[in-house]
C-alpha cells in the first residue's frame, strides 16, 4: 500500500489532523509500517496540490478532508491489482541470480543456506502469530491488522521456499555435467 492511498483511505472516514493520520496509518497497518510525521505532511501537501484533499484551517488547527477527486482516486486504487512488472528488487532473488554466476555448486550452497534461514524465520513467525492470537482480543482492529501482516509474511516465506525449491531443480537440470553435489 502506498502512503498516499493509505492516507486517502483514512480520510474517507472523515477529516483528520496530520498526527491523527500518522497514528491511524500505523494502527491500520498493525504497527509494522511506521511513518515519520514529516512524511505525512509532505504527502498531504502533494495530495492537496493534486486536488485530492483540502486543508481546513480552524483556529490554527489544520485538518484535512478528502475531495470528490480523492474519493475517485481511492476507488480506482481499491480496484487496481498491484503489478510486479518489472519484478521487485528482491534481495533473495538477486542473491540467487548472482550466485548462479559463480557456478551451480555455489548457487546450490547459497540456496541451502537461504532455505535453512527461511525455515527458521517461518518457524519464528508462526510461533509469534500463535502468541499474538492467544493474547489479543479478536475484535481489536489493530490486533487483526498485526495478525494479517504476520500471515502475509508467513505466506511470503512459504512462497520463497517454494521458489528456492524450483531454483534448485532448474539449476540441477541445467547443470551440464549433472554431477553437482546437493
Protein backbone atom coordinates (compact mmCIF):
# COMPACT_ATOMS: atom_id res chain seq x y z
CA UNK A 1 0.00 0.00 0.00
CA UNK A 2 1.29 3.40 -0.87
CA UNK A 3 1.26 6.02 1.86
CA UNK A 4 -0.74 8.37 -0.33
CA UNK A 5 -3.57 5.89 -0.82
CA UNK A 6 -3.45 4.88 2.83
CA UNK A 7 -3.99 8.49 3.87
CA UNK A 8 -6.86 8.82 1.40
CA UNK A 9 -8.43 5.67 2.84
CA UNK A 10 -8.23 7.12 6.35
CA UNK A 11 -9.65 10.45 5.19
CA UNK A 12 -12.59 8.70 3.52
CA UNK A 13 -13.98 8.21 7.06
CA UNK A 14 -13.83 11.94 7.81
CA UNK A 15 -11.45 14.84 8.29
CA UNK A 16 -8.35 14.36 10.43
CA UNK A 17 -5.27 16.18 11.61
CA UNK A 18 -1.87 15.14 10.33
CA UNK A 19 -0.87 13.43 13.56
CA UNK A 20 -4.19 11.55 13.62
CA UNK A 21 -3.40 10.31 10.12
CA UNK A 22 0.06 9.17 11.23
CA UNK A 23 -1.25 7.20 14.21
CA UNK A 24 -4.25 5.91 12.26
CA UNK A 25 -2.00 4.67 9.46
CA UNK A 26 0.32 2.92 11.91
CA UNK A 27 -2.62 1.33 13.71
CA UNK A 28 -4.27 0.21 10.46
CA UNK A 29 -1.03 -1.44 9.31
CA UNK A 30 -0.62 -3.36 12.55
CA UNK A 31 2.30 -1.19 13.64
CA UNK A 32 4.63 -2.63 11.00
CA UNK A 33 4.66 0.46 8.79
CA UNK A 34 5.77 3.41 10.93
CA UNK A 35 5.51 6.85 9.38
CA UNK A 36 7.54 9.95 10.02
CA UNK A 37 5.19 12.85 10.69
CA UNK A 38 7.13 14.86 8.09
CA UNK A 39 6.34 12.19 5.51
CA UNK A 40 2.66 12.52 6.35
CA UNK A 41 2.66 16.30 5.87
CA UNK A 42 4.71 16.10 2.67
CA UNK A 43 2.26 13.55 1.27
CA UNK A 44 -0.69 15.71 2.35
CA UNK A 45 0.83 18.71 0.54
CA UNK A 46 1.09 16.64 -2.64
CA UNK A 47 -2.45 15.35 -2.24
CA UNK A 48 -3.68 18.92 -1.79
CA UNK A 49 -1.68 20.11 -4.81
CA UNK A 50 -3.25 17.30 -6.87
CA UNK A 51 -6.75 18.24 -5.72
CA UNK A 52 -7.32 15.00 -3.80
CA UNK A 53 -7.62 16.58 -0.34
CA UNK A 54 -8.37 20.02 1.02
CA UNK A 55 -6.86 21.60 4.10
CA UNK A 56 -9.19 23.17 6.63
CA UNK A 57 -7.67 25.77 8.96
CA UNK A 58 -9.86 26.36 12.01
CA UNK A 59 -8.31 28.44 14.79
CA UNK A 60 -4.79 27.49 13.76
CA UNK A 61 -5.59 23.77 13.67
CA UNK A 62 -5.04 22.28 10.23
CA UNK A 63 -7.14 19.28 9.34
CA UNK A 64 -7.59 17.56 6.01
CA UNK A 65 -10.53 16.07 4.20
CA UNK A 66 -10.84 14.06 1.03
CA UNK A 67 -12.31 15.67 -2.10
CA UNK A 68 -14.54 14.06 -4.72
CA UNK A 69 -11.44 13.60 -6.89
CA UNK A 70 -9.71 11.99 -3.91
CA UNK A 71 -12.62 9.56 -3.45
CA UNK A 72 -12.43 8.70 -7.14
CA UNK A 73 -8.66 8.11 -6.92
CA UNK A 74 -9.18 5.96 -3.83
CA UNK A 75 -11.88 3.96 -5.63
CA UNK A 76 -9.51 3.39 -8.54
CA UNK A 77 -6.83 2.22 -6.11
CA UNK A 78 -9.21 -0.21 -4.39
CA UNK A 79 -9.93 -1.76 -7.81
CA UNK A 80 -6.36 -1.85 -9.16
CA UNK A 81 -4.34 -5.04 -8.99
CA UNK A 82 -0.73 -4.42 -7.93
CA UNK A 83 1.57 -5.40 -10.76
CA UNK A 84 5.11 -6.63 -10.36
CA UNK A 85 6.40 -5.64 -13.75
CA UNK A 86 9.32 -5.24 -13.70
CA UNK A 87 9.95 -7.72 -10.89
CA UNK A 88 10.52 -6.16 -7.48
CA UNK A 89 14.08 -5.54 -6.36
CA UNK A 90 14.07 -8.53 -4.11
CA UNK A 91 17.28 -9.29 -2.21
CA UNK A 92 16.72 -13.06 -2.19
CA UNK A 93 16.15 -13.09 -5.94
CA UNK A 94 19.27 -11.00 -6.52
CA UNK A 95 21.33 -13.23 -4.24
CA UNK A 96 20.30 -16.39 -6.10
CA UNK A 97 20.82 -14.84 -9.54
CA UNK A 98 24.29 -13.59 -8.58
CA UNK A 99 25.18 -16.96 -7.03
CA UNK A 100 24.39 -18.68 -10.34
CA UNK A 101 27.08 -16.54 -11.95
CA UNK A 102 29.60 -18.30 -9.68
CA UNK A 103 28.60 -21.76 -10.82
CA UNK A 104 25.94 -24.31 -9.96
CA UNK A 105 27.73 -25.67 -6.89
CA UNK A 106 27.98 -22.22 -5.32
CA UNK A 107 24.37 -21.47 -6.24
CA UNK A 108 23.18 -24.67 -4.57
CA UNK A 109 25.15 -23.82 -1.43
CA UNK A 110 23.52 -20.39 -1.34
CA UNK A 111 20.10 -21.99 -1.86
CA UNK A 112 20.71 -24.36 1.05
CA UNK A 113 21.76 -21.54 3.40
CA UNK A 114 18.81 -19.39 2.35
CA UNK A 115 16.38 -22.29 2.72
CA UNK A 116 17.65 -23.02 6.23
CA UNK A 117 17.33 -19.36 7.21
CA UNK A 118 13.82 -19.13 5.74
CA UNK A 119 12.66 -22.27 7.56
CA UNK A 120 13.93 -20.80 10.84
CA UNK A 121 12.27 -17.46 10.07
CA UNK A 122 8.99 -19.13 9.13
CA UNK A 123 9.01 -21.13 12.35
CA UNK A 124 9.60 -17.95 14.38
CA UNK A 125 6.82 -16.11 12.55
CA UNK A 126 4.36 -18.94 13.15
CA UNK A 127 5.20 -19.01 16.87
CA UNK A 128 4.80 -15.23 17.10
CA UNK A 129 1.48 -15.41 15.27
CA UNK A 130 0.18 -18.09 17.65
CA UNK A 131 1.22 -15.99 20.67
CA UNK A 132 -0.37 -12.89 19.17
CA UNK A 133 -3.66 -14.67 18.51
CA UNK A 134 -3.71 -16.11 22.02
CA UNK A 135 -3.02 -12.75 23.67
CA UNK A 136 -5.18 -10.36 21.61
CA UNK A 137 -8.93 -9.98 21.56
CA UNK A 138 -10.25 -10.81 18.11
CA UNK A 139 -12.35 -7.62 17.98
CA UNK A 140 -9.29 -5.35 18.22
CA UNK A 141 -8.70 -3.88 14.72
CA UNK A 142 -5.00 -3.29 15.36
CA UNK A 143 -4.55 -6.89 16.57
CA UNK A 144 -6.33 -8.14 13.47
CA UNK A 145 -4.10 -5.98 11.25
CA UNK A 146 -1.00 -7.33 13.01
CA UNK A 147 -2.28 -10.88 12.55
CA UNK A 148 -2.92 -10.29 8.84
CA UNK A 149 0.58 -8.85 8.43
CA UNK A 150 2.05 -11.89 10.20
CA UNK A 151 0.03 -14.15 7.91
CA UNK A 152 1.30 -12.29 4.82
CA UNK A 153 4.90 -12.58 5.99
CA UNK A 154 4.49 -16.31 6.65
CA UNK A 155 2.89 -16.92 3.25
CA UNK A 156 5.67 -14.95 1.55
CA UNK A 157 8.30 -17.01 3.35
CA UNK A 158 6.49 -20.16 2.19
CA UNK A 159 6.46 -18.81 -1.37
CA UNK A 160 10.19 -18.03 -1.14
CA UNK A 161 10.82 -21.62 0.00
CA UNK A 162 8.84 -22.95 -2.97
CA UNK A 163 10.80 -20.66 -5.28
CA UNK A 164 14.12 -21.90 -3.84
CA UNK A 165 12.99 -25.49 -4.50
CA UNK A 166 12.18 -24.54 -8.09
CA UNK A 167 15.57 -22.83 -8.45
CA UNK A 168 17.32 -25.93 -7.19
CA UNK A 169 15.54 -28.22 -9.64
CA UNK A 170 16.25 -25.88 -12.56
CA UNK A 171 19.91 -25.46 -11.62
CA UNK A 172 20.31 -29.23 -11.38
CA UNK A 173 18.52 -29.74 -14.70
CA UNK A 174 20.68 -27.09 -16.40
CA UNK A 175 23.97 -28.34 -14.99
CA UNK A 176 25.97 -29.69 -17.95
CA UNK A 177 27.73 -32.43 -16.02
CA UNK A 178 24.82 -33.19 -13.69
CA UNK A 179 27.41 -34.13 -11.05
CA UNK A 180 26.60 -31.24 -8.79
CA UNK A 181 26.52 -32.36 -5.18
CA UNK A 182 23.36 -31.36 -3.34
